[in-house]
N, C-alpha and C. Protein backbone atom coordinates (compact mmCIF):
# COMPACT_ATOMS: atom_id res chain seq x y z
N UNK A 1 -72.68 51.31 -21.92
CA UNK A 1 -72.17 50.21 -22.73
C UNK A 1 -70.86 50.66 -23.39
N UNK A 2 -69.81 49.91 -23.17
CA UNK A 2 -68.51 50.21 -23.77
C UNK A 2 -68.53 49.83 -25.24
N UNK A 3 -67.87 50.65 -26.03
CA UNK A 3 -67.88 50.43 -27.48
C UNK A 3 -67.20 49.13 -27.86
N UNK A 4 -67.63 48.60 -28.97
CA UNK A 4 -66.97 47.43 -29.55
C UNK A 4 -65.89 47.94 -30.48
N UNK A 5 -64.83 47.19 -30.58
CA UNK A 5 -63.74 47.56 -31.49
C UNK A 5 -63.57 46.45 -32.51
N UNK A 6 -63.23 46.84 -33.71
CA UNK A 6 -62.99 45.87 -34.77
C UNK A 6 -61.54 45.40 -34.68
N UNK A 7 -61.31 44.13 -34.40
CA UNK A 7 -59.95 43.62 -34.25
C UNK A 7 -59.23 43.54 -35.58
N UNK A 8 -57.91 43.51 -35.60
CA UNK A 8 -57.05 43.84 -34.46
C UNK A 8 -56.87 45.35 -34.34
N UNK A 9 -56.75 45.83 -33.11
CA UNK A 9 -56.56 47.26 -32.84
C UNK A 9 -55.48 47.45 -31.78
N UNK A 10 -54.97 48.65 -31.72
CA UNK A 10 -54.04 49.04 -30.66
C UNK A 10 -54.81 49.87 -29.65
N UNK A 11 -55.02 49.32 -28.47
CA UNK A 11 -55.65 50.06 -27.38
C UNK A 11 -54.57 50.75 -26.56
N UNK A 12 -54.97 51.78 -25.83
CA UNK A 12 -54.05 52.49 -24.95
C UNK A 12 -54.43 52.13 -23.52
N UNK A 13 -53.45 51.65 -22.75
CA UNK A 13 -53.69 51.34 -21.35
C UNK A 13 -52.80 52.23 -20.49
N UNK A 14 -53.28 52.54 -19.29
CA UNK A 14 -52.46 53.26 -18.33
C UNK A 14 -51.91 52.23 -17.35
N UNK A 15 -50.69 52.49 -16.91
CA UNK A 15 -50.02 51.56 -16.01
C UNK A 15 -49.87 52.17 -14.62
N UNK A 16 -49.74 51.31 -13.65
CA UNK A 16 -49.48 51.78 -12.29
C UNK A 16 -48.04 52.31 -12.22
N UNK A 17 -47.80 53.33 -11.39
CA UNK A 17 -46.45 53.89 -11.28
C UNK A 17 -45.41 52.83 -10.93
N UNK A 18 -44.32 52.83 -11.67
CA UNK A 18 -43.16 51.96 -11.47
C UNK A 18 -43.45 50.47 -11.73
N UNK A 19 -44.60 50.16 -12.31
CA UNK A 19 -44.94 48.77 -12.60
C UNK A 19 -45.10 48.53 -14.10
N UNK A 20 -44.50 49.39 -14.91
CA UNK A 20 -44.63 49.28 -16.36
C UNK A 20 -44.08 47.95 -16.88
N UNK A 21 -42.92 47.55 -16.39
CA UNK A 21 -42.31 46.30 -16.85
C UNK A 21 -43.16 45.10 -16.46
N UNK A 22 -43.71 45.12 -15.26
CA UNK A 22 -44.58 44.03 -14.82
C UNK A 22 -45.82 43.96 -15.71
N UNK A 23 -46.43 45.11 -15.98
CA UNK A 23 -47.61 45.13 -16.85
C UNK A 23 -47.25 44.59 -18.23
N UNK A 24 -46.10 45.00 -18.76
CA UNK A 24 -45.65 44.54 -20.08
C UNK A 24 -45.57 43.01 -20.12
N UNK A 25 -44.91 42.43 -19.11
CA UNK A 25 -44.76 40.96 -19.05
C UNK A 25 -46.10 40.25 -18.94
N UNK A 26 -46.96 40.73 -18.07
CA UNK A 26 -48.24 40.07 -17.85
C UNK A 26 -49.16 40.21 -19.07
N UNK A 27 -49.09 41.33 -19.75
CA UNK A 27 -49.88 41.51 -20.97
C UNK A 27 -49.40 40.52 -22.03
N UNK A 28 -48.08 40.40 -22.18
CA UNK A 28 -47.51 39.46 -23.16
C UNK A 28 -47.85 38.02 -22.79
N UNK A 29 -47.83 37.71 -21.49
CA UNK A 29 -48.15 36.35 -21.04
C UNK A 29 -49.60 35.96 -21.37
N UNK A 30 -50.47 36.94 -21.50
CA UNK A 30 -51.87 36.66 -21.83
C UNK A 30 -52.09 36.51 -23.33
N UNK A 31 -51.02 36.66 -24.12
CA UNK A 31 -51.13 36.49 -25.56
C UNK A 31 -51.38 37.78 -26.33
N UNK A 32 -51.40 38.92 -25.62
CA UNK A 32 -51.54 40.20 -26.29
C UNK A 32 -50.16 40.68 -26.73
N UNK A 33 -50.13 41.68 -27.61
CA UNK A 33 -48.87 42.26 -28.07
C UNK A 33 -48.72 43.65 -27.46
N UNK A 34 -47.87 43.80 -26.43
CA UNK A 34 -47.67 45.13 -25.85
C UNK A 34 -46.59 45.90 -26.62
N UNK A 35 -46.71 47.19 -26.63
CA UNK A 35 -45.68 48.05 -27.22
C UNK A 35 -45.50 49.26 -26.32
N UNK A 36 -44.28 49.41 -25.83
CA UNK A 36 -43.95 50.49 -24.92
C UNK A 36 -42.74 51.23 -25.50
N UNK A 37 -42.96 52.30 -26.28
CA UNK A 37 -41.84 53.01 -26.88
C UNK A 37 -40.93 53.62 -25.80
N UNK A 38 -39.64 53.43 -25.97
CA UNK A 38 -38.67 53.96 -25.01
C UNK A 38 -37.61 54.76 -25.76
N UNK A 39 -36.94 55.64 -25.02
CA UNK A 39 -35.82 56.39 -25.58
C UNK A 39 -34.71 56.44 -24.55
N UNK A 40 -33.52 56.75 -25.00
CA UNK A 40 -32.36 56.80 -24.14
C UNK A 40 -31.85 58.24 -24.08
N UNK A 41 -31.66 58.74 -22.87
CA UNK A 41 -31.10 60.08 -22.71
C UNK A 41 -29.69 59.96 -22.14
N UNK A 42 -28.86 60.89 -22.53
CA UNK A 42 -27.48 60.92 -22.06
C UNK A 42 -27.27 62.25 -21.34
N UNK A 43 -26.77 62.17 -20.12
CA UNK A 43 -26.54 63.38 -19.34
C UNK A 43 -25.09 63.42 -18.89
N UNK A 44 -24.51 64.58 -19.00
CA UNK A 44 -23.16 64.79 -18.49
C UNK A 44 -23.23 65.45 -17.13
N UNK A 45 -22.27 65.11 -16.28
CA UNK A 45 -22.25 65.67 -14.94
C UNK A 45 -20.80 65.82 -14.51
N UNK A 46 -20.49 66.90 -13.83
CA UNK A 46 -19.15 67.11 -13.31
C UNK A 46 -19.18 66.92 -11.81
N UNK A 47 -18.29 66.08 -11.30
CA UNK A 47 -18.23 65.83 -9.86
C UNK A 47 -17.52 66.98 -9.16
N UNK A 48 -17.56 66.98 -7.83
CA UNK A 48 -16.88 68.03 -7.06
C UNK A 48 -15.38 68.03 -7.31
N UNK A 49 -14.83 66.89 -7.69
CA UNK A 49 -13.39 66.79 -7.96
C UNK A 49 -13.05 67.14 -9.39
N UNK A 50 -14.06 67.56 -10.17
CA UNK A 50 -13.81 67.98 -11.54
C UNK A 50 -13.85 66.88 -12.58
N UNK A 51 -14.18 65.68 -12.16
CA UNK A 51 -14.26 64.56 -13.10
C UNK A 51 -15.59 64.61 -13.84
N UNK A 52 -15.56 64.43 -15.17
CA UNK A 52 -16.77 64.47 -15.98
C UNK A 52 -17.31 63.06 -16.16
N UNK A 53 -18.56 62.86 -15.81
CA UNK A 53 -19.21 61.55 -15.90
C UNK A 53 -20.37 61.65 -16.88
N UNK A 54 -20.50 60.67 -17.77
CA UNK A 54 -21.61 60.61 -18.71
C UNK A 54 -22.47 59.41 -18.34
N UNK A 55 -23.76 59.66 -18.16
CA UNK A 55 -24.68 58.59 -17.80
C UNK A 55 -25.80 58.52 -18.82
N UNK A 56 -26.18 57.29 -19.17
CA UNK A 56 -27.33 57.12 -20.04
C UNK A 56 -28.46 56.50 -19.23
N UNK A 57 -29.68 56.89 -19.56
CA UNK A 57 -30.84 56.40 -18.83
C UNK A 57 -31.97 56.14 -19.82
N UNK A 58 -32.69 55.04 -19.61
CA UNK A 58 -33.80 54.67 -20.48
C UNK A 58 -35.09 55.22 -19.87
N UNK A 59 -35.93 55.84 -20.71
CA UNK A 59 -37.20 56.42 -20.28
C UNK A 59 -38.31 55.93 -21.19
N UNK A 60 -39.52 55.90 -20.65
CA UNK A 60 -40.69 55.62 -21.47
C UNK A 60 -41.03 56.89 -22.24
N UNK A 61 -41.34 56.76 -23.50
CA UNK A 61 -41.72 57.92 -24.30
C UNK A 61 -43.04 58.51 -23.79
N UNK A 62 -43.97 57.64 -23.41
CA UNK A 62 -45.25 58.07 -22.86
C UNK A 62 -45.36 57.50 -21.45
N UNK A 63 -44.81 58.22 -20.48
CA UNK A 63 -44.75 57.74 -19.10
C UNK A 63 -46.15 57.37 -18.60
N UNK A 64 -46.29 56.13 -18.15
CA UNK A 64 -47.57 55.67 -17.60
C UNK A 64 -48.56 55.15 -18.62
N UNK A 65 -48.15 55.08 -19.90
CA UNK A 65 -49.04 54.59 -20.95
C UNK A 65 -48.34 53.50 -21.77
N UNK A 66 -49.15 52.62 -22.33
CA UNK A 66 -48.63 51.55 -23.16
C UNK A 66 -49.69 51.22 -24.21
N UNK A 67 -49.23 50.75 -25.36
CA UNK A 67 -50.14 50.32 -26.41
C UNK A 67 -50.24 48.80 -26.36
N UNK A 68 -51.44 48.28 -26.61
CA UNK A 68 -51.65 46.84 -26.59
C UNK A 68 -52.44 46.46 -27.84
N UNK A 69 -51.83 45.60 -28.68
CA UNK A 69 -52.53 45.11 -29.87
C UNK A 69 -53.28 43.85 -29.48
N UNK A 70 -54.55 43.85 -29.80
CA UNK A 70 -55.33 42.67 -29.46
C UNK A 70 -56.40 42.43 -30.50
N UNK A 71 -56.85 41.19 -30.53
CA UNK A 71 -57.90 40.80 -31.46
C UNK A 71 -59.23 40.66 -30.73
N UNK A 72 -59.23 39.99 -29.60
CA UNK A 72 -60.47 39.77 -28.85
C UNK A 72 -60.17 39.85 -27.35
N UNK A 73 -61.21 40.05 -26.58
CA UNK A 73 -61.09 39.95 -25.13
C UNK A 73 -60.36 41.09 -24.45
N UNK A 74 -60.61 42.32 -24.88
CA UNK A 74 -59.93 43.45 -24.26
C UNK A 74 -60.29 43.60 -22.79
N UNK A 75 -61.43 43.06 -22.37
CA UNK A 75 -61.89 43.17 -20.99
C UNK A 75 -60.89 42.57 -20.01
N UNK A 76 -60.15 41.53 -20.47
CA UNK A 76 -59.16 40.87 -19.58
C UNK A 76 -58.03 41.80 -19.20
N UNK A 77 -57.77 42.83 -20.00
CA UNK A 77 -56.66 43.74 -19.71
C UNK A 77 -56.82 44.46 -18.39
N UNK A 78 -58.06 44.83 -18.03
CA UNK A 78 -58.26 45.62 -16.82
C UNK A 78 -57.87 44.88 -15.55
N UNK A 79 -57.83 43.57 -15.58
CA UNK A 79 -57.42 42.80 -14.41
C UNK A 79 -55.96 42.39 -14.43
N UNK A 80 -55.20 42.90 -15.37
CA UNK A 80 -53.80 42.52 -15.50
C UNK A 80 -52.94 43.26 -14.49
N UNK A 81 -52.01 42.54 -13.88
CA UNK A 81 -51.10 43.16 -12.90
C UNK A 81 -50.29 44.28 -13.56
N UNK A 82 -50.26 45.40 -12.88
CA UNK A 82 -49.52 46.55 -13.38
C UNK A 82 -50.36 47.48 -14.25
N UNK A 83 -51.52 47.02 -14.71
CA UNK A 83 -52.39 47.86 -15.54
C UNK A 83 -53.36 48.60 -14.62
N UNK A 84 -53.40 49.91 -14.77
CA UNK A 84 -54.32 50.72 -13.99
C UNK A 84 -55.70 50.74 -14.63
N UNK A 85 -55.73 51.03 -15.94
CA UNK A 85 -57.02 51.11 -16.64
C UNK A 85 -56.80 51.08 -18.13
N UNK A 86 -57.87 50.82 -18.86
CA UNK A 86 -57.88 50.96 -20.31
C UNK A 86 -58.37 52.37 -20.58
N UNK A 87 -57.60 53.12 -21.34
CA UNK A 87 -57.95 54.51 -21.61
C UNK A 87 -59.23 54.58 -22.44
N UNK A 88 -60.13 55.48 -22.04
CA UNK A 88 -61.41 55.64 -22.72
C UNK A 88 -61.75 57.12 -22.83
N UNK A 89 -62.57 57.42 -23.80
CA UNK A 89 -63.14 58.75 -23.95
C UNK A 89 -64.65 58.55 -23.86
N UNK A 90 -65.17 58.75 -22.66
CA UNK A 90 -66.58 58.43 -22.42
C UNK A 90 -66.75 56.93 -22.48
N UNK A 91 -67.62 56.46 -23.39
CA UNK A 91 -67.79 55.02 -23.53
C UNK A 91 -67.00 54.47 -24.72
N UNK A 92 -66.12 55.29 -25.30
CA UNK A 92 -65.31 54.86 -26.44
C UNK A 92 -63.90 54.48 -25.97
N UNK A 93 -63.45 53.31 -26.37
CA UNK A 93 -62.08 52.91 -26.05
C UNK A 93 -61.10 53.76 -26.87
N UNK A 94 -59.98 54.13 -26.24
CA UNK A 94 -58.95 54.90 -26.94
C UNK A 94 -58.18 53.94 -27.84
N UNK A 95 -58.26 54.18 -29.14
CA UNK A 95 -57.61 53.34 -30.13
C UNK A 95 -56.54 54.16 -30.83
N UNK A 96 -55.34 53.60 -30.94
CA UNK A 96 -54.25 54.26 -31.66
C UNK A 96 -54.18 53.65 -33.05
N UNK A 97 -54.21 54.49 -34.09
CA UNK A 97 -54.15 53.95 -35.45
C UNK A 97 -52.83 53.22 -35.73
N UNK A 98 -52.89 52.17 -36.51
CA UNK A 98 -51.71 51.39 -36.87
C UNK A 98 -50.62 52.27 -37.48
N UNK A 99 -51.02 53.28 -38.26
CA UNK A 99 -50.04 54.15 -38.90
C UNK A 99 -49.18 54.89 -37.87
N UNK A 100 -49.75 55.24 -36.71
CA UNK A 100 -48.98 55.91 -35.66
C UNK A 100 -47.99 54.96 -35.00
N UNK A 101 -48.41 53.71 -34.79
CA UNK A 101 -47.49 52.71 -34.23
C UNK A 101 -46.35 52.47 -35.22
N UNK A 102 -46.68 52.36 -36.50
CA UNK A 102 -45.65 52.17 -37.54
C UNK A 102 -44.68 53.35 -37.57
N UNK A 103 -45.20 54.56 -37.40
CA UNK A 103 -44.36 55.76 -37.40
C UNK A 103 -43.39 55.74 -36.21
N UNK A 104 -43.90 55.35 -35.04
CA UNK A 104 -43.03 55.25 -33.87
C UNK A 104 -41.95 54.20 -34.08
N UNK A 105 -42.34 53.03 -34.57
CA UNK A 105 -41.38 51.95 -34.78
C UNK A 105 -40.34 52.32 -35.84
N UNK A 106 -40.75 53.07 -36.85
CA UNK A 106 -39.82 53.50 -37.89
C UNK A 106 -38.78 54.48 -37.35
N UNK A 107 -39.09 55.14 -36.25
CA UNK A 107 -38.14 56.11 -35.68
C UNK A 107 -37.18 55.47 -34.67
N UNK A 108 -37.26 54.15 -34.50
CA UNK A 108 -36.38 53.46 -33.55
C UNK A 108 -35.03 53.17 -34.19
N UNK A 109 -33.98 53.17 -33.34
CA UNK A 109 -32.65 52.81 -33.82
C UNK A 109 -32.47 51.29 -33.72
N UNK A 110 -31.27 50.81 -33.99
CA UNK A 110 -30.99 49.37 -33.98
C UNK A 110 -31.19 48.73 -32.61
N UNK A 111 -31.10 49.54 -31.54
CA UNK A 111 -31.26 49.01 -30.17
C UNK A 111 -32.73 49.05 -29.72
N UNK A 112 -33.61 49.60 -30.55
CA UNK A 112 -35.02 49.66 -30.19
C UNK A 112 -35.42 50.94 -29.48
N UNK A 113 -34.53 51.94 -29.41
CA UNK A 113 -34.86 53.21 -28.78
C UNK A 113 -35.42 54.17 -29.82
N UNK A 114 -36.48 54.88 -29.47
CA UNK A 114 -37.02 55.92 -30.35
C UNK A 114 -35.98 57.04 -30.40
N UNK A 115 -35.63 57.47 -31.60
CA UNK A 115 -34.68 58.55 -31.77
C UNK A 115 -35.46 59.86 -31.80
N UNK A 116 -35.26 60.68 -30.78
CA UNK A 116 -35.97 61.94 -30.69
C UNK A 116 -35.26 63.00 -31.52
N UNK A 117 -36.01 63.93 -32.08
CA UNK A 117 -35.36 65.01 -32.82
C UNK A 117 -34.56 65.88 -31.84
N UNK A 118 -33.49 66.50 -32.31
CA UNK A 118 -32.70 67.33 -31.39
C UNK A 118 -33.52 68.51 -30.89
N UNK A 119 -33.23 68.91 -29.66
CA UNK A 119 -33.91 70.08 -29.09
C UNK A 119 -33.53 71.32 -29.88
N UNK A 120 -34.46 72.22 -30.05
CA UNK A 120 -34.13 73.43 -30.80
C UNK A 120 -33.07 74.24 -30.06
N UNK A 121 -32.17 74.82 -30.81
CA UNK A 121 -31.09 75.62 -30.23
C UNK A 121 -31.59 77.05 -30.11
N UNK A 122 -31.66 77.54 -28.89
CA UNK A 122 -32.13 78.90 -28.67
C UNK A 122 -30.99 79.91 -28.76
N UNK A 123 -29.81 79.51 -28.27
CA UNK A 123 -28.69 80.43 -28.23
C UNK A 123 -27.46 79.75 -28.81
N UNK A 124 -26.65 80.51 -29.49
CA UNK A 124 -25.44 80.00 -30.12
C UNK A 124 -24.21 80.53 -29.39
N UNK A 125 -23.11 79.79 -29.48
CA UNK A 125 -21.85 80.22 -28.88
C UNK A 125 -21.49 81.59 -29.45
N UNK A 126 -21.14 82.49 -28.56
CA UNK A 126 -20.78 83.84 -28.96
C UNK A 126 -21.93 84.83 -28.93
N UNK A 127 -23.16 84.35 -28.76
CA UNK A 127 -24.32 85.23 -28.75
C UNK A 127 -24.39 86.00 -27.43
N UNK A 128 -24.77 87.25 -27.50
CA UNK A 128 -24.95 88.10 -26.32
C UNK A 128 -26.33 87.81 -25.72
N UNK A 129 -26.37 87.55 -24.42
CA UNK A 129 -27.62 87.23 -23.74
C UNK A 129 -27.75 88.06 -22.47
N UNK A 130 -28.99 88.24 -22.03
CA UNK A 130 -29.25 88.92 -20.77
C UNK A 130 -29.90 87.94 -19.81
N UNK A 131 -29.45 87.95 -18.57
CA UNK A 131 -30.00 87.09 -17.53
C UNK A 131 -31.25 87.77 -17.00
N UNK A 132 -32.34 87.01 -16.87
CA UNK A 132 -33.62 87.59 -16.47
C UNK A 132 -34.08 87.19 -15.07
N UNK A 133 -33.39 86.25 -14.42
CA UNK A 133 -33.83 85.78 -13.11
C UNK A 133 -32.66 85.65 -12.15
N UNK A 134 -32.97 85.68 -10.88
CA UNK A 134 -31.97 85.40 -9.85
C UNK A 134 -31.09 86.59 -9.51
N UNK A 135 -30.03 86.30 -8.75
CA UNK A 135 -29.12 87.34 -8.26
C UNK A 135 -28.37 88.04 -9.38
N UNK A 136 -28.23 87.39 -10.52
CA UNK A 136 -27.49 87.98 -11.64
C UNK A 136 -28.42 88.63 -12.67
N UNK A 137 -29.67 88.81 -12.28
CA UNK A 137 -30.65 89.39 -13.19
C UNK A 137 -30.18 90.72 -13.76
N UNK A 138 -30.46 90.94 -15.03
CA UNK A 138 -30.14 92.14 -15.81
C UNK A 138 -28.69 92.20 -16.27
N UNK A 139 -27.87 91.26 -15.88
CA UNK A 139 -26.48 91.25 -16.39
C UNK A 139 -26.48 90.71 -17.81
N UNK A 140 -25.57 91.22 -18.61
CA UNK A 140 -25.42 90.78 -19.99
C UNK A 140 -24.10 90.02 -20.10
N UNK A 141 -24.14 88.92 -20.85
CA UNK A 141 -22.94 88.11 -21.03
C UNK A 141 -22.92 87.48 -22.41
N UNK A 142 -21.93 86.61 -22.61
CA UNK A 142 -21.73 85.93 -23.88
C UNK A 142 -21.80 84.43 -23.66
N UNK A 143 -22.59 83.74 -24.49
CA UNK A 143 -22.72 82.29 -24.37
C UNK A 143 -21.39 81.64 -24.75
N UNK A 144 -20.88 80.80 -23.85
CA UNK A 144 -19.63 80.07 -24.09
C UNK A 144 -19.90 78.64 -24.57
N UNK A 145 -21.08 78.12 -24.25
CA UNK A 145 -21.42 76.76 -24.66
C UNK A 145 -22.32 76.09 -23.65
N UNK A 146 -22.67 74.83 -23.89
CA UNK A 146 -23.54 74.11 -22.95
C UNK A 146 -22.80 73.78 -21.66
N UNK A 147 -23.54 73.74 -20.57
CA UNK A 147 -22.99 73.34 -19.28
C UNK A 147 -23.17 71.83 -19.12
N UNK A 148 -22.56 71.27 -18.10
CA UNK A 148 -22.67 69.83 -17.85
C UNK A 148 -24.11 69.46 -17.48
N UNK A 149 -24.79 70.33 -16.74
CA UNK A 149 -26.17 70.04 -16.35
C UNK A 149 -27.11 70.34 -17.51
N UNK A 150 -28.15 69.54 -17.60
CA UNK A 150 -29.12 69.69 -18.68
C UNK A 150 -29.83 71.03 -18.58
N UNK A 151 -30.14 71.65 -19.71
CA UNK A 151 -30.87 72.92 -19.81
C UNK A 151 -30.10 74.12 -19.26
N UNK A 152 -28.80 73.98 -19.08
CA UNK A 152 -28.00 75.10 -18.59
C UNK A 152 -26.93 75.45 -19.60
N UNK A 153 -26.58 76.72 -19.62
CA UNK A 153 -25.52 77.20 -20.51
C UNK A 153 -24.43 77.88 -19.70
N UNK A 154 -23.22 77.81 -20.23
CA UNK A 154 -22.10 78.54 -19.63
C UNK A 154 -22.09 79.93 -20.26
N UNK A 155 -22.16 80.95 -19.40
CA UNK A 155 -22.22 82.33 -19.87
C UNK A 155 -21.08 83.11 -19.23
N UNK A 156 -20.36 83.84 -20.05
CA UNK A 156 -19.24 84.68 -19.60
C UNK A 156 -19.79 86.06 -19.27
N UNK A 157 -19.64 86.47 -18.00
CA UNK A 157 -20.11 87.79 -17.58
C UNK A 157 -19.00 88.53 -16.85
N UNK A 158 -19.13 89.84 -16.77
CA UNK A 158 -18.20 90.66 -16.00
C UNK A 158 -18.76 90.78 -14.60
N UNK A 159 -17.95 90.35 -13.63
CA UNK A 159 -18.40 90.36 -12.24
C UNK A 159 -17.21 90.64 -11.34
N UNK A 160 -17.37 91.57 -10.44
CA UNK A 160 -16.32 91.93 -9.49
C UNK A 160 -15.02 92.31 -10.19
N UNK A 161 -15.15 93.01 -11.30
CA UNK A 161 -13.98 93.52 -12.01
C UNK A 161 -13.23 92.51 -12.86
N UNK A 162 -13.79 91.32 -13.04
CA UNK A 162 -13.13 90.34 -13.92
C UNK A 162 -14.18 89.51 -14.65
N UNK A 163 -13.75 88.84 -15.70
CA UNK A 163 -14.65 88.00 -16.48
C UNK A 163 -14.79 86.65 -15.79
N UNK A 164 -16.03 86.20 -15.61
CA UNK A 164 -16.33 84.96 -14.89
C UNK A 164 -17.35 84.15 -15.69
N UNK A 165 -17.14 82.84 -15.72
CA UNK A 165 -18.11 81.95 -16.37
C UNK A 165 -19.08 81.44 -15.30
N UNK A 166 -20.38 81.61 -15.59
CA UNK A 166 -21.43 81.10 -14.71
C UNK A 166 -22.31 80.15 -15.51
N UNK A 167 -22.94 79.23 -14.80
CA UNK A 167 -23.88 78.31 -15.45
C UNK A 167 -25.28 78.76 -15.12
N UNK A 168 -26.07 79.04 -16.17
CA UNK A 168 -27.40 79.62 -16.02
C UNK A 168 -28.42 78.73 -16.74
N UNK A 169 -29.57 78.58 -16.11
CA UNK A 169 -30.66 77.86 -16.76
C UNK A 169 -31.05 78.61 -18.03
N UNK A 170 -31.21 77.88 -19.11
CA UNK A 170 -31.51 78.47 -20.40
C UNK A 170 -32.80 79.29 -20.38
N UNK A 171 -33.75 78.90 -19.55
CA UNK A 171 -35.02 79.64 -19.46
C UNK A 171 -34.84 81.01 -18.83
N UNK A 172 -33.74 81.23 -18.14
CA UNK A 172 -33.48 82.52 -17.48
C UNK A 172 -32.66 83.44 -18.37
N UNK A 173 -32.62 83.16 -19.66
CA UNK A 173 -31.84 83.97 -20.60
C UNK A 173 -32.73 84.46 -21.73
N UNK A 174 -32.43 85.67 -22.19
CA UNK A 174 -33.04 86.21 -23.40
C UNK A 174 -31.92 86.79 -24.24
N UNK A 175 -32.15 86.86 -25.53
CA UNK A 175 -31.15 87.42 -26.42
C UNK A 175 -31.00 88.90 -26.13
N UNK A 176 -29.77 89.37 -25.95
CA UNK A 176 -29.52 90.77 -25.65
C UNK A 176 -29.74 91.64 -26.88
N UNK A 177 -29.69 91.04 -28.06
CA UNK A 177 -29.88 91.81 -29.29
C UNK A 177 -31.34 92.19 -29.49
N UNK A 178 -32.27 91.52 -28.78
CA UNK A 178 -33.70 91.82 -28.91
C UNK A 178 -34.18 92.81 -27.86
N UNK A 179 -33.32 93.30 -27.05
CA UNK A 179 -33.72 94.21 -25.95
C UNK A 179 -33.41 95.62 -26.27
């Protein structure tokens, strides 16, 4: 026997891959209130010709999940187009507290995107780092700044008798001062 919920509540539903927007529309069409927190990421990229391109892309904060506020008739959700299932823990429906929904909505900007906190900075410009993976493993260099590709840093190293800037994945670096 599935648990009863005291209305109104926010249930968690899983969506079929790439059908989140369809599920959102069909849930709203049934009179429920869907909430799908989204955020916008910005990525820089350098083309082969050296031109720098900035692209923004919208992502779901919880890929494959959506919140649905409802008062009665949660059973109808399972037959909704784009909905895979109603999330449950055994025979208990997964309920998200109103305070968490309010917290998410309070973190949205004027365009409705959730503003994520900045990623922690592991290395600073000028810091000495050692490369731990790949062909350049064990080389020590100096951080010059972020690279165009996400999660990569520009590192100045001595190679073939001259100073060269290479782009290295941040996970392949450790602080040289800790070694």
